[in-house]
Amino acid sequence: MKKLFRKILLLSFLMTSILSIMSISITAEEFKQSKEINYKLRTDVHPKRIYIDGKSFYSEGIPKRYREYKEEHDGVIYSGKLTLTEYQDTGDGYLGLYSGYIYR
């Protein structure tokens, strides 16, 4: 009976140590994968500002000097004021070209 008890006890210790080693190695692999995912997310960099050159807008009267503008790039919304660079009479209104920086 004593030998049987020792064998069962030894077997339970072996199984416990094997299972704990397997679970530690699995968590290490998951940790390594999660670190890679975090690193990939950090490499996706969006600029703080974007220069818009020659954006055209139509207006019925003389165009305003500044124009609010909003645009989306890769899921990030940029907005800001564009400055009138030139305008032209079209007969029934004006076509104005605006340029400037828009920010996140």
PDB file of N, CA and C in Angstrom:
ATOM      1  N   MET A   1       0.823  -1.191   0.000  1.00  0.00           N
ATOM      2  CA  MET A   1       0.000   0.000   0.000  1.00  0.00           C
ATOM      3  C   MET A   1       0.869   1.257   0.000  1.00  0.00           C
ATOM      4  N   LYS A   2       1.971   1.185   0.776  1.00  0.00           N
ATOM      5  CA  LYS A   2       2.860   2.324   0.852  1.00  0.00           C
ATOM      6  C   LYS A   2       3.503   2.615  -0.501  1.00  0.00           C
ATOM      7  N   LYS A   3       3.904   1.548  -1.237  1.00  0.00           N
ATOM      8  CA  LYS A   3       4.516   1.719  -2.551  1.00  0.00           C
ATOM      9  C   LYS A   3       3.517   2.318  -3.534  1.00  0.00           C
ATOM     10  N   LEU A   4       2.294   1.879  -3.467  1.00  0.00           N
ATOM     11  CA  LEU A   4       1.254   2.411  -4.356  1.00  0.00           C
ATOM     12  C   LEU A   4       1.011   3.891  -4.069  1.00  0.00           C
ATOM     13  N   PHE A   5       0.969   4.240  -2.791  1.00  0.00           N
ATOM     14  CA  PHE A   5       0.784   5.649  -2.414  1.00  0.00           C
ATOM     15  C   PHE A   5       1.947   6.509  -2.913  1.00  0.00           C
ATOM     16  N   ARG A   6       3.191   5.996  -2.792  1.00  0.00           N
ATOM     17  CA  ARG A   6       4.361   6.740  -3.272  1.00  0.00           C
ATOM     18  C   ARG A   6       4.308   6.928  -4.794  1.00  0.00           C
ATOM     19  N   LYS A   7       3.905   5.884  -5.512  1.00  0.00           N
ATOM     20  CA  LYS A   7       3.819   5.981  -6.973  1.00  0.00           C
ATOM     21  C   LYS A   7       2.765   7.006  -7.391  1.00  0.00           C
ATOM     22  N   ILE A   8       1.640   6.994  -6.711  1.00  0.00           N
ATOM     23  CA  ILE A   8       0.577   7.958  -7.026  1.00  0.00           C
ATOM     24  C   ILE A   8       1.045   9.374  -6.710  1.00  0.00           C
ATOM     25  N   LEU A   9       1.706   9.552  -5.574  1.00  0.00           N
ATOM     26  CA  LEU A   9       2.230  10.862  -5.191  1.00  0.00           C
ATOM     27  C   LEU A   9       3.292  11.343  -6.182  1.00  0.00           C
ATOM     28  N   LEU A  10       4.207  10.455  -6.577  1.00  0.00           N
ATOM     29  CA  LEU A  10       5.238  10.801  -7.547  1.00  0.00           C
ATOM     30  C   LEU A  10       4.615  11.152  -8.896  1.00  0.00           C
ATOM     31  N   LEU A  11       3.633  10.391  -9.309  1.00  0.00           N
ATOM     32  CA  LEU A  11       2.948  10.654 -10.571  1.00  0.00           C
ATOM     33  C   LEU A  11       2.219  11.999 -10.531  1.00  0.00           C
ATOM     34  N   SER A  12       1.594  12.328  -9.417  1.00  0.00           N
ATOM     35  CA  SER A  12       0.900  13.614  -9.311  1.00  0.00           C
ATOM     36  C   SER A  12       1.891  14.780  -9.343  1.00  0.00           C
ATOM     37  N   PHE A  13       3.058  14.637  -8.689  1.00  0.00           N
ATOM     38  CA  PHE A  13       4.082  15.690  -8.749  1.00  0.00           C
ATOM     39  C   PHE A  13       4.603  15.878 -10.173  1.00  0.00           C
ATOM     40  N   LEU A  14       4.831  14.754 -10.864  1.00  0.00           N
ATOM     41  CA  LEU A  14       5.314  14.842 -12.247  1.00  0.00           C
ATOM     42  C   LEU A  14       4.283  15.521 -13.149  1.00  0.00           C
ATOM     43  N   MET A  15       3.041  15.138 -13.019  1.00  0.00           N
ATOM     44  CA  MET A  15       1.981  15.730 -13.853  1.00  0.00           C
ATOM     45  C   MET A  15       1.838  17.224 -13.562  1.00  0.00           C
ATOM     46  N   THR A  16       1.920  17.600 -12.287  1.00  0.00           N
ATOM     47  CA  THR A  16       1.811  19.011 -11.917  1.00  0.00           C
ATOM     48  C   THR A  16       2.960  19.816 -12.513  1.00  0.00           C
ATOM     49  N   SER A  17       4.168  19.291 -12.413  1.00  0.00           N
ATOM     50  CA  SER A  17       5.320  20.029 -12.952  1.00  0.00           C
ATOM     51  C   SER A  17       5.260  20.104 -14.477  1.00  0.00           C
ATOM     52  N   ILE A  18       4.853  19.048 -15.143  1.00  0.00           N
ATOM     53  CA  ILE A  18       4.745  19.071 -16.612  1.00  0.00           C
ATOM     54  C   ILE A  18       3.685  20.067 -17.051  1.00  0.00           C
ATOM     55  N   LEU A  19       2.538  20.062 -16.411  1.00  0.00           N
ATOM     56  CA  LEU A  19       1.471  20.996 -16.781  1.00  0.00           C
ATOM     57  C   LEU A  19       1.869  22.446 -16.519  1.00  0.00           C
ATOM     58  N   SER A  20       2.562  22.690 -15.405  1.00  0.00           N
ATOM     59  CA  SER A  20       2.965  24.076 -15.126  1.00  0.00           C
ATOM     60  C   SER A  20       4.012  24.552 -16.130  1.00  0.00           C
ATOM     61  N   ILE A  21       4.937  23.694 -16.519  1.00  0.00           N
ATOM     62  CA  ILE A  21       5.943  24.072 -17.520  1.00  0.00           C
ATOM     63  C   ILE A  21       5.273  24.349 -18.861  1.00  0.00           C
ATOM     64  N   MET A  22       4.294  23.531 -19.235  1.00  0.00           N
ATOM     65  CA  MET A  22       3.582  23.754 -20.501  1.00  0.00           C
ATOM     66  C   MET A  22       2.803  25.063 -20.472  1.00  0.00           C
ATOM     67  N   SER A  23       2.152  25.356 -19.367  1.00  0.00           N
ATOM     68  CA  SER A  23       1.376  26.601 -19.302  1.00  0.00           C
ATOM     69  C   SER A  23       2.287  27.824 -19.307  1.00  0.00           C
ATOM     70  N   ILE A  24       3.455  27.731 -18.682  1.00  0.00           N
ATOM     71  CA  ILE A  24       4.400  28.851 -18.697  1.00  0.00           C
ATOM     72  C   ILE A  24       4.918  29.084 -20.108  1.00  0.00           C
ATOM     73  N   SER A  25       5.212  28.024 -20.848  1.00  0.00           N
ATOM     74  CA  SER A  25       5.718  28.203 -22.210  1.00  0.00           C
ATOM     75  C   SER A  25       4.633  28.772 -23.120  1.00  0.00           C
ATOM     76  N   ILE A  26       3.388  28.393 -22.918  1.00  0.00           N
ATOM     77  CA  ILE A  26       2.293  28.946 -23.723  1.00  0.00           C
ATOM     78  C   ILE A  26       2.123  30.433 -23.428  1.00  0.00           C
ATOM     79  N   THR A  27       2.186  30.818 -22.152  1.00  0.00           N
ATOM     80  CA  THR A  27       2.039  32.242 -21.832  1.00  0.00           C
ATOM     81  C   THR A  27       3.217  33.038 -22.376  1.00  0.00           C
ATOM     82  N   ALA A  28       4.399  32.471 -22.408  1.00  0.00           N
ATOM     83  CA  ALA A  28       5.548  33.182 -22.973  1.00  0.00           C
ATOM     84  C   ALA A  28       5.339  33.428 -24.465  1.00  0.00           C
ATOM     85  N   GLU A  29       4.802  32.433 -25.179  1.00  0.00           N
ATOM     86  CA  GLU A  29       4.531  32.615 -26.610  1.00  0.00           C
ATOM     87  C   GLU A  29       3.455  33.673 -26.828  1.00  0.00           C
ATOM     88  N   GLU A  30       2.404  33.639 -26.018  1.00  0.00           N
ATOM     89  CA  GLU A  30       1.346  34.644 -26.145  1.00  0.00           C
ATOM     90  C   GLU A  30       1.889  36.036 -25.843  1.00  0.00           C
ATOM     91  N   PHE A  31       2.758  36.135 -24.860  1.00  0.00           N
ATOM     92  CA  PHE A  31       3.352  37.426 -24.508  1.00  0.00           C
ATOM     93  C   PHE A  31       4.199  37.951 -25.663  1.00  0.00           C
ATOM     94  N   LYS A  32       4.955  37.069 -26.285  1.00  0.00           N
ATOM     95  CA  LYS A  32       5.790  37.471 -27.416  1.00  0.00           C
ATOM     96  C   LYS A  32       4.917  37.965 -28.568  1.00  0.00           C
ATOM     97  N   GLN A  33       3.808  37.264 -28.847  1.00  0.00           N
ATOM     98  CA  GLN A  33       2.905  37.688 -29.917  1.00  0.00           C
ATOM     99  C   GLN A  33       2.257  39.025 -29.584  1.00  0.00           C
ATOM    100  N   SER A  34       1.855  39.230 -28.343  1.00  0.00           N
ATOM    101  CA  SER A  34       1.219  40.496 -27.979  1.00  0.00           C
ATOM    102  C   SER A  34       2.212  41.649 -28.083  1.00  0.00           C
ATOM    103  N   LYS A  35       3.478  41.412 -27.783  1.00  0.00           N
ATOM    104  CA  LYS A  35       4.494  42.455 -27.935  1.00  0.00           C
ATOM    105  C   LYS A  35       4.653  42.826 -29.410  1.00  0.00           C
ATOM    106  N   GLU A  36       4.627  41.819 -30.291  1.00  0.00           N
ATOM    107  CA  GLU A  36       4.754  42.087 -31.723  1.00  0.00           C
ATOM    108  C   GLU A  36       3.579  42.913 -32.217  1.00  0.00           C
ATOM    109  N   ILE A  37       2.388  42.616 -31.745  1.00  0.00           N
ATOM    110  CA  ILE A  37       1.201  43.363 -32.158  1.00  0.00           C
ATOM    111  C   ILE A  37       1.307  44.807 -31.698  1.00  0.00           C
ATOM    112  N   ASN A  38       1.734  45.045 -30.457  1.00  0.00           N
ATOM    113  CA  ASN A  38       1.898  46.411 -29.963  1.00  0.00           C
ATOM    114  C   ASN A  38       2.924  47.170 -30.782  1.00  0.00           C
ATOM    115  N   TYR A  39       3.996  46.499 -31.170  1.00  0.00           N
ATOM    116  CA  TYR A  39       5.022  47.162 -31.964  1.00  0.00           C
ATOM    117  C   TYR A  39       4.475  47.533 -33.340  1.00  0.00           C
ATOM    118  N   LYS A  40       3.674  46.655 -33.925  1.00  0.00           N
ATOM    119  CA  LYS A  40       3.089  46.946 -35.232  1.00  0.00           C
ATOM    120  C   LYS A  40       2.162  48.147 -35.154  1.00  0.00           C
ATOM    121  N   LEU A  41       1.422  48.281 -34.081  1.00  0.00           N
ATOM    122  CA  LEU A  41       0.522  49.416 -33.953  1.00  0.00           C
ATOM    123  C   LEU A  41       1.293  50.723 -33.827  1.00  0.00           C
ATOM    124  N   ARG A  42       2.420  50.700 -33.179  1.00  0.00           N
ATOM    125  CA  ARG A  42       3.200  51.920 -32.993  1.00  0.00           C
ATOM    126  C   ARG A  42       3.836  52.407 -34.288  1.00  0.00           C
ATOM    127  N   THR A  43       4.077  51.502 -35.237  1.00  0.00           N
ATOM    128  CA  THR A  43       4.722  51.921 -36.477  1.00  0.00           C
ATOM    129  C   THR A  43       3.760  52.639 -37.407  1.00  0.00           C
ATOM    130  N   ASP A  44       2.478  52.565 -37.138  1.00  0.00           N
ATOM    131  CA  ASP A  44       1.485  53.222 -37.972  1.00  0.00           C
ATOM    132  C   ASP A  44       1.379  54.682 -37.540  1.00  0.00           C
ATOM    133  N   VAL A  45       2.214  55.540 -38.132  1.00  0.00           N
ATOM    134  CA  VAL A  45       2.323  56.931 -37.704  1.00  0.00           C
ATOM    135  C   VAL A  45       1.594  57.832 -38.689  1.00  0.00           C
ATOM    136  N   HIS A  46       0.806  58.740 -38.153  1.00  0.00           N
ATOM    137  CA  HIS A  46       0.112  59.732 -38.971  1.00  0.00           C
ATOM    138  C   HIS A  46       0.755  61.089 -38.721  1.00  0.00           C
ATOM    139  N   PRO A  47       0.954  61.872 -39.784  1.00  0.00           N
ATOM    140  CA  PRO A  47       1.568  63.188 -39.581  1.00  0.00           C
ATOM    141  C   PRO A  47       0.657  64.116 -38.795  1.00  0.00           C
ATOM    142  N   LYS A  48       1.264  65.062 -38.073  1.00  0.00           N
ATOM    143  CA  LYS A  48       0.489  66.030 -37.296  1.00  0.00           C
ATOM    144  C   LYS A  48      -0.250  66.998 -38.190  1.00  0.00           C
ATOM    145  N   ARG A  49       0.350  67.321 -39.336  1.00  0.00           N
ATOM    146  CA  ARG A  49      -0.282  68.266 -40.240  1.00  0.00           C
ATOM    147  C   ARG A  49      -0.049  67.830 -41.681  1.00  0.00           C
ATOM    148  N   ILE A  50      -0.945  68.270 -42.548  1.00  0.00           N
ATOM    149  CA  ILE A  50      -0.869  67.969 -43.978  1.00  0.00           C
ATOM    150  C   ILE A  50      -1.028  69.281 -44.731  1.00  0.00           C
ATOM    151  N   TYR A  51      -0.221  69.465 -45.769  1.00  0.00           N
ATOM    152  CA  TYR A  51      -0.327  70.678 -46.579  1.00  0.00           C
ATOM    153  C   TYR A  51      -1.283  70.415 -47.740  1.00  0.00           C
ATOM    154  N   ILE A  52      -2.286  71.248 -47.863  1.00  0.00           N
ATOM    155  CA  ILE A  52      -3.249  71.178 -48.963  1.00  0.00           C
ATOM    156  C   ILE A  52      -2.892  72.300 -49.934  1.00  0.00           C
ATOM    157  N   ASP A  53      -2.682  71.949 -51.196  1.00  0.00           N
ATOM    158  CA  ASP A  53      -2.274  72.946 -52.187  1.00  0.00           C
ATOM    159  C   ASP A  53      -3.296  72.998 -53.316  1.00  0.00           C
ATOM    160  N   GLY A  54      -3.856  74.169 -53.536  1.00  0.00           N
ATOM    161  CA  GLY A  54      -4.742  74.388 -54.675  1.00  0.00           C
ATOM    162  C   GLY A  54      -6.085  73.690 -54.580  1.00  0.00           C
ATOM    163  N   LYS A  55      -6.684  73.653 -53.413  1.00  0.00           N
ATOM    164  CA  LYS A  55      -8.027  73.076 -53.250  1.00  0.00           C
ATOM    165  C   LYS A  55      -9.033  74.081 -53.778  1.00  0.00           C
ATOM    166  N   SER A  56      -9.874  73.666 -54.714  1.00  0.00           N
ATOM    167  CA  SER A  56     -10.791  74.614 -55.354  1.00  0.00           C
ATOM    168  C   SER A  56     -12.169  74.582 -54.704  1.00  0.00           C
ATOM    169  N   PHE A  57     -12.762  75.768 -54.560  1.00  0.00           N
ATOM    170  CA  PHE A  57     -14.113  75.934 -54.038  1.00  0.00           C
ATOM    171  C   PHE A  57     -14.837  76.944 -54.913  1.00  0.00           C
ATOM    172  N   TYR A  58     -16.105  76.689 -55.137  1.00  0.00           N
ATOM    173  CA  TYR A  58     -16.931  77.602 -55.926  1.00  0.00           C
ATOM    174  C   TYR A  58     -17.756  78.473 -54.981  1.00  0.00           C
ATOM    175  N   SER A  59     -17.874  79.758 -55.311  1.00  0.00           N
ATOM    176  CA  SER A  59     -18.736  80.644 -54.530  1.00  0.00           C
ATOM    177  C   SER A  59     -19.425  81.609 -55.485  1.00  0.00           C
ATOM    178  N   GLU A  60     -20.624  82.031 -55.091  1.00  0.00           N
ATOM    179  CA  GLU A  60     -21.386  82.946 -55.947  1.00  0.00           C
ATOM    180  C   GLU A  60     -20.882  84.377 -55.833  1.00  0.00           C
ATOM    181  N   GLY A  61     -20.392  84.767 -54.672  1.00  0.00           N
ATOM    182  CA  GLY A  61     -19.824  86.103 -54.486  1.00  0.00           C
ATOM    183  C   GLY A  61     -18.308  86.019 -54.460  1.00  0.00           C
ATOM    184  N   ILE A  62     -17.682  87.136 -54.158  1.00  0.00           N
ATOM    185  CA  ILE A  62     -16.224  87.130 -54.042  1.00  0.00           C
ATOM    186  C   ILE A  62     -15.838  86.179 -52.908  1.00  0.00           C
ATOM    187  N   PRO A  63     -14.897  85.276 -53.150  1.00  0.00           N
ATOM    188  CA  PRO A  63     -14.565  84.268 -52.133  1.00  0.00           C
ATOM    189  C   PRO A  63     -13.930  84.884 -50.887  1.00  0.00           C
ATOM    190  N   LYS A  64     -14.175  84.229 -49.750  1.00  0.00           N
ATOM    191  CA  LYS A  64     -13.595  84.676 -48.478  1.00  0.00           C
ATOM    192  C   LYS A  64     -12.094  84.405 -48.476  1.00  0.00           C
ATOM    193  N   ARG A  65     -11.387  85.177 -47.659  1.00  0.00           N
ATOM    194  CA  ARG A  65      -9.934  85.018 -47.603  1.00  0.00           C
ATOM    195  C   ARG A  65      -9.537  83.692 -46.943  1.00  0.00           C
ATOM    196  N   TYR A  66     -10.274  83.284 -45.901  1.00  0.00           N
ATOM    197  CA  TYR A  66      -9.999  82.025 -45.209  1.00  0.00           C
ATOM    198  C   TYR A  66     -11.212  81.120 -45.327  1.00  0.00           C
ATOM    199  N   ARG A  67     -10.948  79.820 -45.362  1.00  0.00           N
ATOM    200  CA  ARG A  67     -12.041  78.860 -45.456  1.00  0.00           C
ATOM    201  C   ARG A  67     -11.729  77.675 -44.537  1.00  0.00           C
ATOM    202  N   GLU A  68     -12.716  77.319 -43.704  1.00  0.00           N
ATOM    203  CA  GLU A  68     -12.570  76.140 -42.843  1.00  0.00           C
ATOM    204  C   GLU A  68     -12.630  74.893 -43.724  1.00  0.00           C
ATOM    205  N   TYR A  69     -11.759  73.942 -43.434  1.00  0.00           N
ATOM    206  CA  TYR A  69     -11.702  72.737 -44.262  1.00  0.00           C
ATOM    207  C   TYR A  69     -11.457  71.527 -43.374  1.00  0.00           C
ATOM    208  N   LYS A  70     -12.136  70.425 -43.677  1.00  0.00           N
ATOM    209  CA  LYS A  70     -12.006  69.181 -42.918  1.00  0.00           C
ATOM    210  C   LYS A  70     -11.856  68.037 -43.911  1.00  0.00           C
ATOM    211  N   GLU A  71     -10.910  67.147 -43.639  1.00  0.00           N
ATOM    212  CA  GLU A  71     -10.637  66.035 -44.545  1.00  0.00           C
ATOM    213  C   GLU A  71     -10.194  64.829 -43.728  1.00  0.00           C
ATOM    214  N   GLU A  72     -10.452  63.625 -44.243  1.00  0.00           N
ATOM    215  CA  GLU A  72     -10.069  62.400 -43.543  1.00  0.00           C
ATOM    216  C   GLU A  72      -8.993  61.674 -44.338  1.00  0.00           C
ATOM    217  N   HIS A  73      -7.910  61.295 -43.655  1.00  0.00           N
ATOM    218  CA  HIS A  73      -6.818  60.523 -44.249  1.00  0.00           C
ATOM    219  C   HIS A  73      -6.586  59.296 -43.388  1.00  0.00           C
ATOM    220  N   ASP A  74      -6.763  58.108 -43.941  1.00  0.00           N
ATOM    221  CA  ASP A  74      -6.505  56.845 -43.237  1.00  0.00           C
ATOM    222  C   ASP A  74      -7.214  56.761 -41.889  1.00  0.00           C
ATOM    223  N   GLY A  75      -8.440  57.227 -41.822  1.00  0.00           N
ATOM    224  CA  GLY A  75      -9.219  57.150 -40.597  1.00  0.00           C
ATOM    225  C   GLY A  75      -8.953  58.259 -39.600  1.00  0.00           C
ATOM    226  N   VAL A  76      -8.055  59.185 -39.913  1.00  0.00           N
ATOM    227  CA  VAL A  76      -7.743  60.309 -39.028  1.00  0.00           C
ATOM    228  C   VAL A  76      -8.325  61.570 -39.642  1.00  0.00           C
ATOM    229  N   ILE A  77      -9.029  62.356 -38.832  1.00  0.00           N
ATOM    230  CA  ILE A  77      -9.673  63.572 -39.332  1.00  0.00           C
ATOM    231  C   ILE A  77      -8.738  64.757 -39.125  1.00  0.00           C
ATOM    232  N   TYR A  78      -8.482  65.461 -40.205  1.00  0.00           N
ATOM    233  CA  TYR A  78      -7.667  66.676 -40.185  1.00  0.00           C
ATOM    234  C   TYR A  78      -8.578  67.861 -40.462  1.00  0.00           C
ATOM    235  N   SER A  79      -8.317  68.982 -39.801  1.00  0.00           N
ATOM    236  CA  SER A  79      -9.111  70.183 -40.050  1.00  0.00           C
ATOM    237  C   SER A  79      -8.241  71.411 -39.830  1.00  0.00           C
ATOM    238  N   GLY A  80      -8.674  72.518 -40.449  1.00  0.00           N
ATOM    239  CA  GLY A  80      -7.938  73.760 -40.294  1.00  0.00           C
ATOM    240  C   GLY A  80      -8.442  74.812 -41.261  1.00  0.00           C
ATOM    241  N   LYS A  81      -7.744  75.942 -41.281  1.00  0.00           N
ATOM    242  CA  LYS A  81      -8.110  77.050 -42.164  1.00  0.00           C
ATOM    243  C   LYS A  81      -7.187  77.067 -43.368  1.00  0.00           C
ATOM    244  N   LEU A  82      -7.791  77.186 -44.546  1.00  0.00           N
ATOM    245  CA  LEU A  82      -7.029  77.347 -45.773  1.00  0.00           C
ATOM    246  C   LEU A  82      -7.101  78.805 -46.194  1.00  0.00           C
ATOM    247  N   THR A  83      -6.040  79.304 -46.799  1.00  0.00           N
ATOM    248  CA  THR A  83      -5.948  80.695 -47.231  1.00  0.00           C
ATOM    249  C   THR A  83      -6.162  80.779 -48.738  1.00  0.00           C
ATOM    250  N   LEU A  84      -6.909  81.778 -49.157  1.00  0.00           N
ATOM    251  CA  LEU A  84      -7.168  82.000 -50.579  1.00  0.00           C
ATOM    252  C   LEU A  84      -5.863  82.395 -51.268  1.00  0.00           C
ATOM    253  N   THR A  85      -5.475  81.640 -52.287  1.00  0.00           N
ATOM    254  CA  THR A  85      -4.243  81.955 -53.012  1.00  0.00           C
ATOM    255  C   THR A  85      -4.539  82.666 -54.330  1.00  0.00           C
ATOM    256  N   GLU A  86      -5.604  82.264 -55.008  1.00  0.00           N
ATOM    257  CA  GLU A  86      -6.026  82.972 -56.220  1.00  0.00           C
ATOM    258  C   GLU A  86      -7.484  82.642 -56.504  1.00  0.00           C
ATOM    259  N   TYR A  87      -8.131  83.513 -57.265  1.00  0.00           N
ATOM    260  CA  TYR A  87      -9.516  83.257 -57.653  1.00  0.00           C
ATOM    261  C   TYR A  87      -9.746  83.765 -59.067  1.00  0.00           C
ATOM    262  N   GLN A  88     -10.804  83.225 -59.676  1.00  0.00           N
ATOM    263  CA  GLN A  88     -11.093  83.547 -61.068  1.00  0.00           C
ATOM    264  C   GLN A  88     -12.597  83.670 -61.247  1.00  0.00           C
ATOM    265  N   ASP A  89     -13.006  84.636 -62.043  1.00  0.00           N
ATOM    266  CA  ASP A  89     -14.421  84.844 -62.347  1.00  0.00           C
ATOM    267  C   ASP A  89     -14.857  83.793 -63.367  1.00  0.00           C
ATOM    268  N   THR A  90     -15.982  83.128 -63.089  1.00  0.00           N
ATOM    269  CA  THR A  90     -16.488  82.109 -64.012  1.00  0.00           C
ATOM    270  C   THR A  90     -17.725  82.570 -64.761  1.00  0.00           C
ATOM    271  N   GLY A  91     -18.166  83.792 -64.578  1.00  0.00           N
ATOM    272  CA  GLY A  91     -19.361  84.298 -65.237  1.00  0.00           C
ATOM    273  C   GLY A  91     -20.546  84.302 -64.293  1.00  0.00           C
ATOM    274  N   ASP A  92     -20.826  83.188 -63.653  1.00  0.00           N
ATOM    275  CA  ASP A  92     -21.942  83.116 -62.705  1.00  0.00           C
ATOM    276  C   ASP A  92     -21.459  82.988 -61.266  1.00  0.00           C
ATOM    277  N   GLY A  93     -20.174  83.153 -61.039  1.00  0.00           N
ATOM    278  CA  GLY A  93     -19.611  83.070 -59.691  1.00  0.00           C
ATOM    279  C   GLY A  93     -18.094  83.139 -59.749  1.00  0.00           C
ATOM    280  N   TYR A  94     -17.469  82.672 -58.692  1.00  0.00           N
ATOM    281  CA  TYR A  94     -16.010  82.694 -58.613  1.00  0.00           C
ATOM    282  C   TYR A  94     -15.494  81.315 -58.234  1.00  0.00           C
ATOM    283  N   LEU A  95     -14.359  80.974 -58.806  1.00  0.00           N
ATOM    284  CA  LEU A  95     -13.660  79.749 -58.448  1.00  0.00           C
ATOM    285  C   LEU A  95     -12.408  80.160 -57.688  1.00  0.00           C
ATOM    286  N   GLY A  96     -12.321  79.770 -56.428  1.00  0.00           N
ATOM    287  CA  GLY A  96     -11.183  80.154 -55.595  1.00  0.00           C
ATOM    288  C   GLY A  96     -10.295  78.965 -55.298  1.00  0.00           C
ATOM    289  N   LEU A  97      -8.990  79.186 -55.330  1.00  0.00           N
ATOM    290  CA  LEU A  97      -8.023  78.152 -54.970  1.00  0.00           C
ATOM    291  C   LEU A  97      -7.459  78.474 -53.592  1.00  0.00           C
ATOM    292  N   TYR A  98      -7.516  77.489 -52.704  1.00  0.00           N
ATOM    293  CA  TYR A  98      -7.081  77.664 -51.318  1.00  0.00           C
ATOM    294  C   TYR A  98      -5.920  76.722 -51.021  1.00  0.00           C
ATOM    295  N   SER A  99      -5.009  77.181 -50.181  1.00  0.00           N
ATOM    296  CA  SER A  99      -3.870  76.373 -49.752  1.00  0.00           C
ATOM    297  C   SER A  99      -3.625  76.608 -48.268  1.00  0.00           C
ATOM    298  N   GLY A 100      -2.979  75.643 -47.636  1.00  0.00           N
ATOM    299  CA  GLY A 100      -2.637  75.788 -46.226  1.00  0.00           C
ATOM    300  C   GLY A 100      -2.497  74.444 -45.539  1.00  0.00           C
ATOM    301  N   TYR A 101      -2.170  74.502 -44.257  1.00  0.00           N
ATOM    302  CA  TYR A 101      -1.994  73.299 -43.447  1.00  0.00           C
ATOM    303  C   TYR A 101      -3.284  72.966 -42.706  1.00  0.00           C
ATOM    304  N   ILE A 102      -3.566  71.664 -42.626  1.00  0.00           N
ATOM    305  CA  ILE A 102      -4.655  71.183 -41.770  1.00  0.00           C
ATOM    306  C   ILE A 102      -4.020  70.252 -40.734  1.00  0.00           C
ATOM    307  N   TYR A 103      -4.573  70.258 -39.532  1.00  0.00           N
ATOM    308  CA  TYR A 103      -3.978  69.552 -38.395  1.00  0.00           C
ATOM    309  C   TYR A 103      -4.918  68.472 -37.869  1.00  0.00           C
ATOM    310  N   ARG A 104      -4.307  67.480 -37.170  1.00  0.00           N
ATOM    311  CA  ARG A 104      -5.100  66.425 -36.531  1.00  0.00           C
ATOM    312  C   ARG A 104      -5.914  66.999 -35.412  1.00  0.00           C
TER     313      ARG A 104
END
